[in-house]
Amino acid sequence: MAKVTGLGGIFYVVEDPAATRAWYRDVLGIDGEYGPQLDWSEETGDKPYSLISHFPDDQYVKPGRGGFMINLRVDDCDGMVAQLEAKGVKVLGHVDEGYGKFAWILDPDGVKIELWQQVQAPA
């Protein structure tokens, strides 16, 4: 039986694709032949996963635009927050939930990005 094997990408419309791509490259350090690209995966240990999560309203993705959010796994959330702040990026919040560390930023088009460091294996 055929099955889905992973997240292939996130596609959305922006006003200036070149500027958005440059922001992802310069601020988050991700780029590739066709745009920001993440190899699956540099992480070791517990099997990394992607999640498709559904919400009854847009409160979790606010103040982002468009009714969606991009979640990016990071290896060091505290370090990433420090790097972002050093680049002048406003960090909307930063928490340690015990099972993982999270931080939130907006990309130049107002899309909310959640940065996630998995601390414990999922239950």
PDB file of N, CA and C in Angstrom:
ATOM      1  N   MET A   1       0.849  -1.186   0.000  1.00  0.00           N
ATOM      2  CA  MET A   1       0.000   0.000   0.000  1.00  0.00           C
ATOM      3  C   MET A   1       0.890   1.244   0.000  1.00  0.00           C
ATOM      4  N   ALA A   2       0.563   2.227  -0.813  1.00  0.00           N
ATOM      5  CA  ALA A   2       1.290   3.492  -0.857  1.00  0.00           C
ATOM      6  C   ALA A   2       1.046   4.264   0.434  1.00  0.00           C
ATOM      7  N   LYS A   3       2.037   5.053   0.852  1.00  0.00           N
ATOM      8  CA  LYS A   3       1.883   5.843   2.068  1.00  0.00           C
ATOM      9  C   LYS A   3       2.635   7.158   1.943  1.00  0.00           C
ATOM     10  N   VAL A   4       2.229   8.124   2.712  1.00  0.00           N
ATOM     11  CA  VAL A   4       2.919   9.399   2.813  1.00  0.00           C
ATOM     12  C   VAL A   4       4.161   9.167   3.667  1.00  0.00           C
ATOM     13  N   THR A   5       5.295   9.711   3.249  1.00  0.00           N
ATOM     14  CA  THR A   5       6.544   9.449   3.968  1.00  0.00           C
ATOM     15  C   THR A   5       7.120  10.662   4.690  1.00  0.00           C
ATOM     16  N   GLY A   6       6.586  11.837   4.473  1.00  0.00           N
ATOM     17  CA  GLY A   6       7.105  13.004   5.181  1.00  0.00           C
ATOM     18  C   GLY A   6       6.588  14.294   4.591  1.00  0.00           C
ATOM     19  N   LEU A   7       6.948  15.378   5.203  1.00  0.00           N
ATOM     20  CA  LEU A   7       6.549  16.697   4.747  1.00  0.00           C
ATOM     21  C   LEU A   7       7.408  17.091   3.558  1.00  0.00           C
ATOM     22  N   GLY A   8       6.805  17.393   2.437  1.00  0.00           N
ATOM     23  CA  GLY A   8       7.542  17.767   1.236  1.00  0.00           C
ATOM     24  C   GLY A   8       7.845  19.246   1.162  1.00  0.00           C
ATOM     25  N   GLY A   9       7.021  20.070   1.733  1.00  0.00           N
ATOM     26  CA  GLY A   9       7.268  21.497   1.696  1.00  0.00           C
ATOM     27  C   GLY A   9       6.074  22.286   2.162  1.00  0.00           C
ATOM     28  N   ILE A  10       6.286  23.564   2.285  1.00  0.00           N
ATOM     29  CA  ILE A  10       5.224  24.504   2.636  1.00  0.00           C
ATOM     30  C   ILE A  10       5.226  25.554   1.543  1.00  0.00           C
ATOM     31  N   PHE A  11       4.087  25.807   0.954  1.00  0.00           N
ATOM     32  CA  PHE A  11       3.992  26.718  -0.175  1.00  0.00           C
ATOM     33  C   PHE A  11       2.989  27.811   0.155  1.00  0.00           C
ATOM     34  N   TYR A  12       3.397  29.076  -0.019  1.00  0.00           N
ATOM     35  CA  TYR A  12       2.479  30.179   0.220  1.00  0.00           C
ATOM     36  C   TYR A  12       2.901  31.377  -0.609  1.00  0.00           C
ATOM     37  N   VAL A  13       1.976  32.265  -0.849  1.00  0.00           N
ATOM     38  CA  VAL A  13       2.181  33.426  -1.705  1.00  0.00           C
ATOM     39  C   VAL A  13       2.749  34.582  -0.879  1.00  0.00           C
ATOM     40  N   VAL A  14       3.792  35.237  -1.430  1.00  0.00           N
ATOM     41  CA  VAL A  14       4.375  36.424  -0.800  1.00  0.00           C
ATOM     42  C   VAL A  14       4.532  37.507  -1.864  1.00  0.00           C
ATOM     43  N   GLU A  15       4.685  38.729  -1.415  1.00  0.00           N
ATOM     44  CA  GLU A  15       4.812  39.853  -2.340  1.00  0.00           C
ATOM     45  C   GLU A  15       6.158  39.867  -3.057  1.00  0.00           C
ATOM     46  N   ASP A  16       7.236  39.541  -2.339  1.00  0.00           N
ATOM     47  CA  ASP A  16       8.582  39.592  -2.910  1.00  0.00           C
ATOM     48  C   ASP A  16       9.322  38.293  -2.580  1.00  0.00           C
ATOM     49  N   PRO A  17       9.171  37.254  -3.414  1.00  0.00           N
ATOM     50  CA  PRO A  17       9.790  35.961  -3.122  1.00  0.00           C
ATOM     51  C   PRO A  17      11.311  36.036  -2.908  1.00  0.00           C
ATOM     52  N   ALA A  18      12.015  36.852  -3.666  1.00  0.00           N
ATOM     53  CA  ALA A  18      13.470  36.953  -3.508  1.00  0.00           C
ATOM     54  C   ALA A  18      13.837  37.514  -2.138  1.00  0.00           C
ATOM     55  N   ALA A  19      13.105  38.519  -1.674  1.00  0.00           N
ATOM     56  CA  ALA A  19      13.376  39.106  -0.363  1.00  0.00           C
ATOM     57  C   ALA A  19      13.063  38.114   0.757  1.00  0.00           C
ATOM     58  N   THR A  20      11.972  37.384   0.616  1.00  0.00           N
ATOM     59  CA  THR A  20      11.619  36.384   1.628  1.00  0.00           C
ATOM     60  C   THR A  20      12.670  35.277   1.666  1.00  0.00           C
ATOM     61  N   ARG A  21      13.096  34.818   0.507  1.00  0.00           N
ATOM     62  CA  ARG A  21      14.127  33.777   0.441  1.00  0.00           C
ATOM     63  C   ARG A  21      15.423  34.277   1.099  1.00  0.00           C
ATOM     64  N   ALA A  22      15.796  35.521   0.829  1.00  0.00           N
ATOM     65  CA  ALA A  22      17.004  36.096   1.431  1.00  0.00           C
ATOM     66  C   ALA A  22      16.872  36.157   2.946  1.00  0.00           C
ATOM     67  N   TRP A  23      15.696  36.492   3.452  1.00  0.00           N
ATOM     68  CA  TRP A  23      15.478  36.547   4.899  1.00  0.00           C
ATOM     69  C   TRP A  23      15.674  35.167   5.518  1.00  0.00           C
ATOM     70  N   TYR A  24      15.085  34.142   4.935  1.00  0.00           N
ATOM     71  CA  TYR A  24      15.246  32.778   5.458  1.00  0.00           C
ATOM     72  C   TYR A  24      16.720  32.362   5.421  1.00  0.00           C
ATOM     73  N   ARG A  25      17.428  32.754   4.390  1.00  0.00           N
ATOM     74  CA  ARG A  25      18.859  32.435   4.274  1.00  0.00           C
ATOM     75  C   ARG A  25      19.666  33.212   5.314  1.00  0.00           C
ATOM     76  N   ASP A  26      19.471  34.534   5.381  1.00  0.00           N
ATOM     77  CA  ASP A  26      20.289  35.389   6.222  1.00  0.00           C
ATOM     78  C   ASP A  26      19.940  35.305   7.702  1.00  0.00           C
ATOM     79  N   VAL A  27      18.665  35.128   8.021  1.00  0.00           N
ATOM     80  CA  VAL A  27      18.231  35.127   9.416  1.00  0.00           C
ATOM     81  C   VAL A  27      18.215  33.718  10.005  1.00  0.00           C
ATOM     82  N   LEU A  28      17.659  32.740   9.262  1.00  0.00           N
ATOM     83  CA  LEU A  28      17.547  31.386   9.800  1.00  0.00           C
ATOM     84  C   LEU A  28      18.622  30.439   9.277  1.00  0.00           C
ATOM     85  N   GLY A  29      19.378  30.879   8.276  1.00  0.00           N
ATOM     86  CA  GLY A  29      20.467  30.048   7.768  1.00  0.00           C
ATOM     87  C   GLY A  29      20.027  28.875   6.924  1.00  0.00           C
ATOM     88  N   ILE A  30      18.857  28.974   6.288  1.00  0.00           N
ATOM     89  CA  ILE A  30      18.402  27.866   5.436  1.00  0.00           C
ATOM     90  C   ILE A  30      18.181  28.355   4.011  1.00  0.00           C
ATOM     91  N   ASP A  31      18.724  27.609   3.067  1.00  0.00           N
ATOM     92  CA  ASP A  31      18.592  27.925   1.654  1.00  0.00           C
ATOM     93  C   ASP A  31      18.808  26.636   0.874  1.00  0.00           C
ATOM     94  N   GLY A  32      18.461  26.669  -0.374  1.00  0.00           N
ATOM     95  CA  GLY A  32      18.637  25.513  -1.241  1.00  0.00           C
ATOM     96  C   GLY A  32      18.401  25.912  -2.681  1.00  0.00           C
ATOM     97  N   GLU A  33      18.479  24.954  -3.545  1.00  0.00           N
ATOM     98  CA  GLU A  33      18.340  25.226  -4.975  1.00  0.00           C
ATOM     99  C   GLU A  33      17.000  25.875  -5.325  1.00  0.00           C
ATOM    100  N   TYR A  34      15.932  25.465  -4.676  1.00  0.00           N
ATOM    101  CA  TYR A  34      14.595  25.963  -5.002  1.00  0.00           C
ATOM    102  C   TYR A  34      14.017  26.878  -3.928  1.00  0.00           C
ATOM    103  N   GLY A  35      14.830  27.240  -2.947  1.00  0.00           N
ATOM    104  CA  GLY A  35      14.370  28.055  -1.839  1.00  0.00           C
ATOM    105  C   GLY A  35      14.833  27.433  -0.537  1.00  0.00           C
ATOM    106  N   PRO A  36      14.366  27.954   0.606  1.00  0.00           N
ATOM    107  CA  PRO A  36      14.786  27.390   1.889  1.00  0.00           C
ATOM    108  C   PRO A  36      14.507  25.885   1.920  1.00  0.00           C
ATOM    109  N   GLN A  37      15.540  25.118   2.183  1.00  0.00           N
ATOM    110  CA  GLN A  37      15.431  23.654   2.130  1.00  0.00           C
ATOM    111  C   GLN A  37      16.021  23.047   3.387  1.00  0.00           C
ATOM    112  N   LEU A  38      15.310  22.103   3.966  1.00  0.00           N
ATOM    113  CA  LEU A  38      15.774  21.383   5.148  1.00  0.00           C
ATOM    114  C   LEU A  38      15.958  19.922   4.768  1.00  0.00           C
ATOM    115  N   ASP A  39      17.172  19.413   4.948  1.00  0.00           N
ATOM    116  CA  ASP A  39      17.385  17.991   4.715  1.00  0.00           C
ATOM    117  C   ASP A  39      16.739  17.208   5.836  1.00  0.00           C
ATOM    118  N   TRP A  40      16.211  16.058   5.521  1.00  0.00           N
ATOM    119  CA  TRP A  40      15.516  15.245   6.525  1.00  0.00           C
ATOM    120  C   TRP A  40      16.371  14.079   6.885  1.00  0.00           C
ATOM    121  N   SER A  41      17.006  14.058   7.957  1.00  0.00           N
ATOM    122  CA  SER A  41      17.160  15.017   9.030  1.00  0.00           C
ATOM    123  C   SER A  41      18.584  14.925   9.539  1.00  0.00           C
ATOM    124  N   GLU A  42      19.077  16.001  10.119  1.00  0.00           N
ATOM    125  CA  GLU A  42      20.399  16.000  10.727  1.00  0.00           C
ATOM    126  C   GLU A  42      20.346  15.485  12.157  1.00  0.00           C
ATOM    127  N   GLU A  43      19.150  15.324  12.689  1.00  0.00           N
ATOM    128  CA  GLU A  43      18.992  14.908  14.071  1.00  0.00           C
ATOM    129  C   GLU A  43      19.302  13.430  14.234  1.00  0.00           C
ATOM    130  N   THR A  44      19.773  13.090  15.425  1.00  0.00           N
ATOM    131  CA  THR A  44      20.047  11.698  15.755  1.00  0.00           C
ATOM    132  C   THR A  44      19.205  11.319  16.961  1.00  0.00           C
ATOM    133  N   GLY A  45      19.219  10.052  17.313  1.00  0.00           N
ATOM    134  CA  GLY A  45      18.463   9.610  18.480  1.00  0.00           C
ATOM    135  C   GLY A  45      17.042   9.266  18.102  1.00  0.00           C
ATOM    136  N   ASP A  46      16.102   9.699  18.934  1.00  0.00           N
ATOM    137  CA  ASP A  46      14.695   9.385  18.691  1.00  0.00           C
ATOM    138  C   ASP A  46      14.285   9.832  17.303  1.00  0.00           C
ATOM    139  N   LYS A  47      13.436   9.061  16.682  1.00  0.00           N
ATOM    140  CA  LYS A  47      13.006   9.345  15.311  1.00  0.00           C
ATOM    141  C   LYS A  47      12.334  10.714  15.228  1.00  0.00           C
ATOM    142  N   PRO A  48      12.911  11.627  14.443  1.00  0.00           N
ATOM    143  CA  PRO A  48      12.263  12.931  14.281  1.00  0.00           C
ATOM    144  C   PRO A  48      10.991  12.777  13.452  1.00  0.00           C
ATOM    145  N   TYR A  49      10.075  13.690  13.626  1.00  0.00           N
ATOM    146  CA  TYR A  49       8.826  13.627  12.880  1.00  0.00           C
ATOM    147  C   TYR A  49       8.336  15.012  12.538  1.00  0.00           C
ATOM    148  N   SER A  50       7.468  15.075  11.559  1.00  0.00           N
ATOM    149  CA  SER A  50       6.744  16.299  11.231  1.00  0.00           C
ATOM    150  C   SER A  50       5.312  16.094  11.687  1.00  0.00           C
ATOM    151  N   LEU A  51       4.645  17.168  11.991  1.00  0.00           N
ATOM    152  CA  LEU A  51       3.297  17.092  12.542  1.00  0.00           C
ATOM    153  C   LEU A  51       2.367  17.981  11.737  1.00  0.00           C
ATOM    154  N   ILE A  52       1.220  17.487  11.423  1.00  0.00           N
ATOM    155  CA  ILE A  52       0.150  18.311  10.866  1.00  0.00           C
ATOM    156  C   ILE A  52      -0.861  18.466  11.990  1.00  0.00           C
ATOM    157  N   SER A  53      -1.009  19.677  12.480  1.00  0.00           N
ATOM    158  CA  SER A  53      -1.841  19.913  13.649  1.00  0.00           C
ATOM    159  C   SER A  53      -2.991  20.839  13.277  1.00  0.00           C
ATOM    160  N   HIS A  54      -4.169  20.552  13.797  1.00  0.00           N
ATOM    161  CA  HIS A  54      -5.381  21.305  13.458  1.00  0.00           C
ATOM    162  C   HIS A  54      -5.904  22.020  14.697  1.00  0.00           C
ATOM    163  N   PHE A  55      -6.332  23.261  14.509  1.00  0.00           N
ATOM    164  CA  PHE A  55      -6.823  24.085  15.606  1.00  0.00           C
ATOM    165  C   PHE A  55      -8.228  24.588  15.272  1.00  0.00           C
ATOM    166  N   PRO A  56      -9.086  24.767  16.285  1.00  0.00           N
ATOM    167  CA  PRO A  56     -10.455  25.211  16.027  1.00  0.00           C
ATOM    168  C   PRO A  56     -10.557  26.692  15.652  1.00  0.00           C
ATOM    169  N   ASP A  57      -9.520  27.472  15.938  1.00  0.00           N
ATOM    170  CA  ASP A  57      -9.507  28.889  15.570  1.00  0.00           C
ATOM    171  C   ASP A  57      -8.059  29.304  15.333  1.00  0.00           C
ATOM    172  N   ASP A  58      -7.836  30.566  15.033  1.00  0.00           N
ATOM    173  CA  ASP A  58      -6.483  30.995  14.667  1.00  0.00           C
ATOM    174  C   ASP A  58      -5.705  31.628  15.822  1.00  0.00           C
ATOM    175  N   GLN A  59      -6.157  31.450  17.058  1.00  0.00           N
ATOM    176  CA  GLN A  59      -5.479  32.077  18.191  1.00  0.00           C
ATOM    177  C   GLN A  59      -4.023  31.646  18.321  1.00  0.00           C
ATOM    178  N   TYR A  60      -3.718  30.380  18.037  1.00  0.00           N
ATOM    179  CA  TYR A  60      -2.348  29.889  18.198  1.00  0.00           C
ATOM    180  C   TYR A  60      -1.412  30.444  17.128  1.00  0.00           C
ATOM    181  N   VAL A  61      -1.936  30.754  15.954  1.00  0.00           N
ATOM    182  CA  VAL A  61      -1.082  31.256  14.880  1.00  0.00           C
ATOM    183  C   VAL A  61      -0.996  32.779  14.838  1.00  0.00           C
ATOM    184  N   LYS A  62      -1.792  33.458  15.653  1.00  0.00           N
ATOM    185  CA  LYS A  62      -1.699  34.912  15.730  1.00  0.00           C
ATOM    186  C   LYS A  62      -0.420  35.297  16.450  1.00  0.00           C
ATOM    187  N   PRO A  63       0.218  36.389  16.140  1.00  0.00           N
ATOM    188  CA  PRO A  63      -0.218  37.439  15.248  1.00  0.00           C
ATOM    189  C   PRO A  63       0.122  37.181  13.782  1.00  0.00           C
ATOM    190  N   GLY A  64       0.462  35.961  13.448  1.00  0.00           N
ATOM    191  CA  GLY A  64       0.759  35.630  12.061  1.00  0.00           C
ATOM    192  C   GLY A  64      -0.440  35.804  11.154  1.00  0.00           C
ATOM    193  N   ARG A  65      -0.162  35.928   9.867  1.00  0.00           N
ATOM    194  CA  ARG A  65      -1.220  36.122   8.879  1.00  0.00           C
ATOM    195  C   ARG A  65      -1.531  34.807   8.185  1.00  0.00           C
ATOM    196  N   GLY A  66      -2.723  34.713   7.619  1.00  0.00           N
ATOM    197  CA  GLY A  66      -3.055  33.626   6.718  1.00  0.00           C
ATOM    198  C   GLY A  66      -3.601  32.366   7.344  1.00  0.00           C
ATOM    199  N   GLY A  67      -3.748  32.310   8.671  1.00  0.00           N
ATOM    200  CA  GLY A  67      -4.360  31.142   9.287  1.00  0.00           C
ATOM    201  C   GLY A  67      -3.456  29.918   9.351  1.00  0.00           C
ATOM    202  N   PHE A  68      -2.144  30.098   9.220  1.00  0.00           N
ATOM    203  CA  PHE A  68      -1.240  28.964   9.375  1.00  0.00           C
ATOM    204  C   PHE A  68       0.066  29.424  10.001  1.00  0.00           C
ATOM    205  N   MET A  69       0.863  28.465  10.425  1.00  0.00           N
ATOM    206  CA  MET A  69       2.148  28.737  11.057  1.00  0.00           C
ATOM    207  C   MET A  69       3.123  27.671  10.564  1.00  0.00           C
ATOM    208  N   ILE A  70       4.391  28.027  10.479  1.00  0.00           N
ATOM    209  CA  ILE A  70       5.432  27.075  10.113  1.00  0.00           C
ATOM    210  C   ILE A  70       6.189  26.701  11.378  1.00  0.00           C
ATOM    211  N   ASN A  71       6.309  25.410  11.646  1.00  0.00           N
ATOM    212  CA  ASN A  71       7.069  24.918  12.782  1.00  0.00           C
ATOM    213  C   ASN A  71       8.398  24.390  12.253  1.00  0.00           C
ATOM    214  N   LEU A  72       9.498  24.922  12.777  1.00  0.00           N
ATOM    215  CA  LEU A  72      10.828  24.469  12.388  1.00  0.00           C
ATOM    216  C   LEU A  72      11.528  23.872  13.593  1.00  0.00           C
ATOM    217  N   ARG A  73      12.046  22.660  13.420  1.00  0.00           N
ATOM    218  CA  ARG A  73      12.812  22.017  14.486  1.00  0.00           C
ATOM    219  C   ARG A  73      14.183  22.695  14.572  1.00  0.00           C
ATOM    220  N   VAL A  74      14.677  22.901  15.779  1.00  0.00           N
ATOM    221  CA  VAL A  74      16.010  23.470  15.995  1.00  0.00           C
ATOM    222  C   VAL A  74      16.758  22.601  17.001  1.00  0.00           C
ATOM    223  N   ASP A  75      18.085  22.630  16.933  1.00  0.00           N
ATOM    224  CA  ASP A  75      18.872  21.813  17.846  1.00  0.00           C
ATOM    225  C   ASP A  75      19.182  22.524  19.159  1.00  0.00           C
ATOM    226  N   ASP A  76      19.039  23.841  19.204  1.00  0.00           N
ATOM    227  CA  ASP A  76      19.350  24.633  20.396  1.00  0.00           C
ATOM    228  C   ASP A  76      18.468  25.880  20.377  1.00  0.00           C
ATOM    229  N   CYS A  77      17.308  25.786  20.993  1.00  0.00           N
ATOM    230  CA  CYS A  77      16.341  26.888  20.947  1.00  0.00           C
ATOM    231  C   CYS A  77      16.902  28.140  21.616  1.00  0.00           C
ATOM    232  N   ASP A  78      17.549  27.977  22.773  1.00  0.00           N
ATOM    233  CA  ASP A  78      18.116  29.142  23.462  1.00  0.00           C
ATOM    234  C   ASP A  78      19.169  29.820  22.596  1.00  0.00           C
ATOM    235  N   GLY A  79      20.029  29.029  21.977  1.00  0.00           N
ATOM    236  CA  GLY A  79      21.054  29.572  21.097  1.00  0.00           C
ATOM    237  C   GLY A  79      20.459  30.260  19.886  1.00  0.00           C
ATOM    238  N   MET A  80      19.397  29.674  19.323  1.00  0.00           N
ATOM    239  CA  MET A  80      18.732  30.273  18.166  1.00  0.00           C
ATOM    240  C   MET A  80      18.102  31.604  18.539  1.00  0.00           C
ATOM    241  N   VAL A  81      17.471  31.671  19.698  1.00  0.00           N
ATOM    242  CA  VAL A  81      16.878  32.932  20.157  1.00  0.00           C
ATOM    243  C   VAL A  81      17.962  34.007  20.281  1.00  0.00           C
ATOM    244  N   ALA A  82      19.103  33.649  20.858  1.00  0.00           N
ATOM    245  CA  ALA A  82      20.197  34.617  20.998  1.00  0.00           C
ATOM    246  C   ALA A  82      20.680  35.088  19.626  1.00  0.00           C
ATOM    247  N   GLN A  83      20.816  34.173  18.673  1.00  0.00           N
ATOM    248  CA  GLN A  83      21.237  34.539  17.321  1.00  0.00           C
ATOM    249  C   GLN A  83      20.233  35.478  16.668  1.00  0.00           C
ATOM    250  N   LEU A  84      18.950  35.160  16.808  1.00  0.00           N
ATOM    251  CA  LEU A  84      17.907  35.986  16.201  1.00  0.00           C
ATOM    252  C   LEU A  84      17.902  37.382  16.793  1.00  0.00           C
ATOM    253  N   GLU A  85      17.983  37.466  18.109  1.00  0.00           N
ATOM    254  CA  GLU A  85      17.982  38.770  18.759  1.00  0.00           C
ATOM    255  C   GLU A  85      19.209  39.579  18.340  1.00  0.00           C
ATOM    256  N   ALA A  86      20.350  38.917  18.174  1.00  0.00           N
ATOM    257  CA  ALA A  86      21.571  39.613  17.729  1.00  0.00           C
ATOM    258  C   ALA A  86      21.408  40.175  16.318  1.00  0.00           C
ATOM    259  N   LYS A  87      20.521  39.559  15.523  1.00  0.00           N
ATOM    260  CA  LYS A  87      20.254  40.033  14.168  1.00  0.00           C
ATOM    261  C   LYS A  87      19.107  41.033  14.132  1.00  0.00           C
ATOM    262  N   GLY A  88      18.579  41.390  15.302  1.00  0.00           N
ATOM    263  CA  GLY A  88      17.501  42.366  15.377  1.00  0.00           C
ATOM    264  C   GLY A  88      16.115  41.800  15.137  1.00  0.00           C
ATOM    265  N   VAL A  89      15.969  40.477  15.177  1.00  0.00           N
ATOM    266  CA  VAL A  89      14.666  39.846  14.978  1.00  0.00           C
ATOM    267  C   VAL A  89      13.904  39.862  16.296  1.00  0.00           C
ATOM    268  N   LYS A  90      12.659  40.320  16.256  1.00  0.00           N
ATOM    269  CA  LYS A  90      11.827  40.348  17.454  1.00  0.00           C
ATOM    270  C   LYS A  90      11.337  38.936  17.757  1.00  0.00           C
ATOM    271  N   VAL A  91      11.650  38.447  18.947  1.00  0.00           N
ATOM    272  CA  VAL A  91      11.169  37.141  19.401  1.00  0.00           C
ATOM    273  C   VAL A  91       9.867  37.384  20.167  1.00  0.00           C
ATOM    274  N   LEU A  92       8.783  36.770  19.692  1.00  0.00           N
ATOM    275  CA  LEU A  92       7.454  36.998  20.267  1.00  0.00           C
ATOM    276  C   LEU A  92       7.278  36.313  21.610  1.00  0.00           C
ATOM    277  N   GLY A  93       8.014  35.254  21.848  1.00  0.00           N
ATOM    278  CA  GLY A  93       7.926  34.500  23.089  1.00  0.00           C
ATOM    279  C   GLY A  93       8.928  33.370  23.051  1.00  0.00           C
ATOM    280  N   HIS A  94       9.248  32.845  24.248  1.00  0.00           N
ATOM    281  CA  HIS A  94      10.240  31.775  24.364  1.00  0.00           C
ATOM    282  C   HIS A  94       9.922  31.026  25.648  1.00  0.00           C
ATOM    283  N   VAL A  95       9.575  29.741  25.543  1.00  0.00           N
ATOM    284  CA  VAL A  95       9.201  28.968  26.728  1.00  0.00           C
ATOM    285  C   VAL A  95       9.850  27.591  26.708  1.00  0.00           C
ATOM    286  N   ASP A  96       9.986  27.033  27.893  1.00  0.00           N
ATOM    287  CA  ASP A  96      10.428  25.660  28.071  1.00  0.00           C
ATOM    288  C   ASP A  96       9.254  24.909  28.691  1.00  0.00           C
ATOM    289  N   GLU A  97       8.660  24.005  27.919  1.00  0.00           N
ATOM    290  CA  GLU A  97       7.486  23.265  28.386  1.00  0.00           C
ATOM    291  C   GLU A  97       7.868  21.936  29.046  1.00  0.00           C
ATOM    292  N   GLY A  98       9.159  21.679  29.215  1.00  0.00           N
ATOM    293  CA  GLY A  98       9.606  20.414  29.797  1.00  0.00           C
ATOM    294  C   GLY A  98       9.874  19.372  28.725  1.00  0.00           C
ATOM    295  N   TYR A  99       8.901  19.110  27.875  1.00  0.00           N
ATOM    296  CA  TYR A  99       9.061  18.151  26.783  1.00  0.00           C
ATOM    297  C   TYR A  99       9.711  18.793  25.561  1.00  0.00           C
ATOM    298  N   GLY A 100       9.772  20.121  25.573  1.00  0.00           N
ATOM    299  CA  GLY A 100      10.369  20.834  24.455  1.00  0.00           C
ATOM    300  C   GLY A 100      10.461  22.317  24.740  1.00  0.00           C
ATOM    301  N   LYS A 101      11.376  22.953  24.025  1.00  0.00           N
ATOM    302  CA  LYS A 101      11.528  24.404  24.118  1.00  0.00           C
ATOM    303  C   LYS A 101      10.964  25.013  22.840  1.00  0.00           C
ATOM    304  N   PHE A 102      10.310  26.163  22.980  1.00  0.00           N
ATOM    305  CA  PHE A 102       9.647  26.819  21.870  1.00  0.00           C
ATOM    306  C   PHE A 102       9.984  28.310  21.853  1.00  0.00           C
ATOM    307  N   ALA A 103      10.023  28.871  20.660  1.00  0.00           N
ATOM    308  CA  ALA A 103      10.134  30.315  20.483  1.00  0.00           C
ATOM    309  C   ALA A 103       9.354  30.670  19.227  1.00  0.00           C
ATOM    310  N   TRP A 104       8.897  31.924  19.139  1.00  0.00           N
ATOM    311  CA  TRP A 104       8.084  32.342  18.002  1.00  0.00           C
ATOM    312  C   TRP A 104       8.597  33.657  17.440  1.00  0.00           C
ATOM    313  N   ILE A 105       8.597  33.734  16.113  1.00  0.00           N
ATOM    314  CA  ILE A 105       8.982  34.941  15.389  1.00  0.00           C
ATOM    315  C   ILE A 105       8.033  35.101  14.204  1.00  0.00           C
ATOM    316  N   LEU A 106       8.102  36.236  13.539  1.00  0.00           N
ATOM    317  CA  LEU A 106       7.378  36.448  12.288  1.00  0.00           C
ATOM    318  C   LEU A 106       8.390  36.583  11.163  1.00  0.00           C
ATOM    319  N   ASP A 107       8.088  35.993  10.001  1.00  0.00           N
ATOM    320  CA  ASP A 107       8.965  36.212   8.846  1.00  0.00           C
ATOM    321  C   ASP A 107       8.622  37.574   8.249  1.00  0.00           C
ATOM    322  N   PRO A 108       9.340  38.038   7.224  1.00  0.00           N
ATOM    323  CA  PRO A 108       9.107  39.395   6.724  1.00  0.00           C
ATOM    324  C   PRO A 108       7.729  39.605   6.111  1.00  0.00           C
ATOM    325  N   ASP A 109       6.996  38.528   5.854  1.00  0.00           N
ATOM    326  CA  ASP A 109       5.657  38.626   5.293  1.00  0.00           C
ATOM    327  C   ASP A 109       4.571  38.433   6.347  1.00  0.00           C
ATOM    328  N   GLY A 110       4.963  38.364   7.611  1.00  0.00           N
ATOM    329  CA  GLY A 110       3.992  38.230   8.689  1.00  0.00           C
ATOM    330  C   GLY A 110       3.558  36.809   8.979  1.00  0.00           C
ATOM    331  N   VAL A 111       4.255  35.814   8.431  1.00  0.00           N
ATOM    332  CA  VAL A 111       3.944  34.419   8.720  1.00  0.00           C
ATOM    333  C   VAL A 111       4.620  34.049  10.036  1.00  0.00           C
ATOM    334  N   LYS A 112       3.845  33.484  10.952  1.00  0.00           N
ATOM    335  CA  LYS A 112       4.388  33.096  12.248  1.00  0.00           C
ATOM    336  C   LYS A 112       5.215  31.825  12.090  1.00  0.00           C
ATOM    337  N   ILE A 113       6.400  31.830  12.698  1.00  0.00           N
ATOM    338  CA  ILE A 113       7.285  30.675  12.697  1.00  0.00           C
ATOM    339  C   ILE A 113       7.494  30.245  14.138  1.00  0.00           C
ATOM    340  N   GLU A 114       7.223  28.975  14.387  1.00  0.00           N
ATOM    341  CA  GLU A 114       7.465  28.398  15.704  1.00  0.00           C
ATOM    342  C   GLU A 114       8.755  27.592  15.615  1.00  0.00           C
ATOM    343  N   LEU A 115       9.697  27.905  16.481  1.00  0.00           N
ATOM    344  CA  LEU A 115      10.941  27.158  16.568  1.00  0.00           C
ATOM    345  C   LEU A 115      10.806  26.170  17.713  1.00  0.00           C
ATOM    346  N   TRP A 116      11.154  24.917  17.473  1.00  0.00           N
ATOM    347  CA  TRP A 116      10.906  23.853  18.448  1.00  0.00           C
ATOM    348  C   TRP A 116      12.133  22.985  18.627  1.00  0.00           C
ATOM    349  N   GLN A 117      12.573  22.874  19.862  1.00  0.00           N
ATOM    350  CA  GLN A 117      13.637  21.938  20.207  1.00  0.00           C
ATOM    351  C   GLN A 117      12.995  20.825  21.015  1.00  0.00           C
ATOM    352  N   GLN A 118      12.962  19.622  20.459  1.00  0.00           N
ATOM    353  CA  GLN A 118      12.406  18.485  21.180  1.00  0.00           C
ATOM    354  C   GLN A 118      13.390  18.086  22.260  1.00  0.00           C
ATOM    355  N   VAL A 119      12.930  18.102  23.515  1.00  0.00           N
ATOM    356  CA  VAL A 119      13.804  17.784  24.641  1.00  0.00           C
ATOM    357  C   VAL A 119      13.637  16.330  25.046  1.00  0.00           C
ATOM    358  N   GLN A 120      12.411  15.836  25.000  1.00  0.00           N
ATOM    359  CA  GLN A 120      12.124  14.456  25.345  1.00  0.00           C
ATOM    360  C   GLN A 120      11.473  13.775  24.167  1.00  0.00           C
ATOM    361  N   ALA A 121      11.623  12.475  24.104  1.00  0.00           N
ATOM    362  CA  ALA A 121      10.939  11.705  23.070  1.00  0.00           C
ATOM    363  C   ALA A 121       9.439  11.819  23.294  1.00  0.00           C
ATOM    364  N   PRO A 122       8.647  11.880  22.210  1.00  0.00           N
ATOM    365  CA  PRO A 122       7.198  11.945  22.386  1.00  0.00           C
ATOM    366  C   PRO A 122       6.674  10.695  23.090  1.00  0.00           C
ATOM    367  N   ALA A 123       5.638  10.891  23.884  1.00  0.00           N
ATOM    368  CA  ALA A 123       5.049   9.763  24.641  1.00  0.00           C
ATOM    369  C   ALA A 123       4.285   8.834  23.730  1.00  0.00           C
TER     370      ALA A 123
END
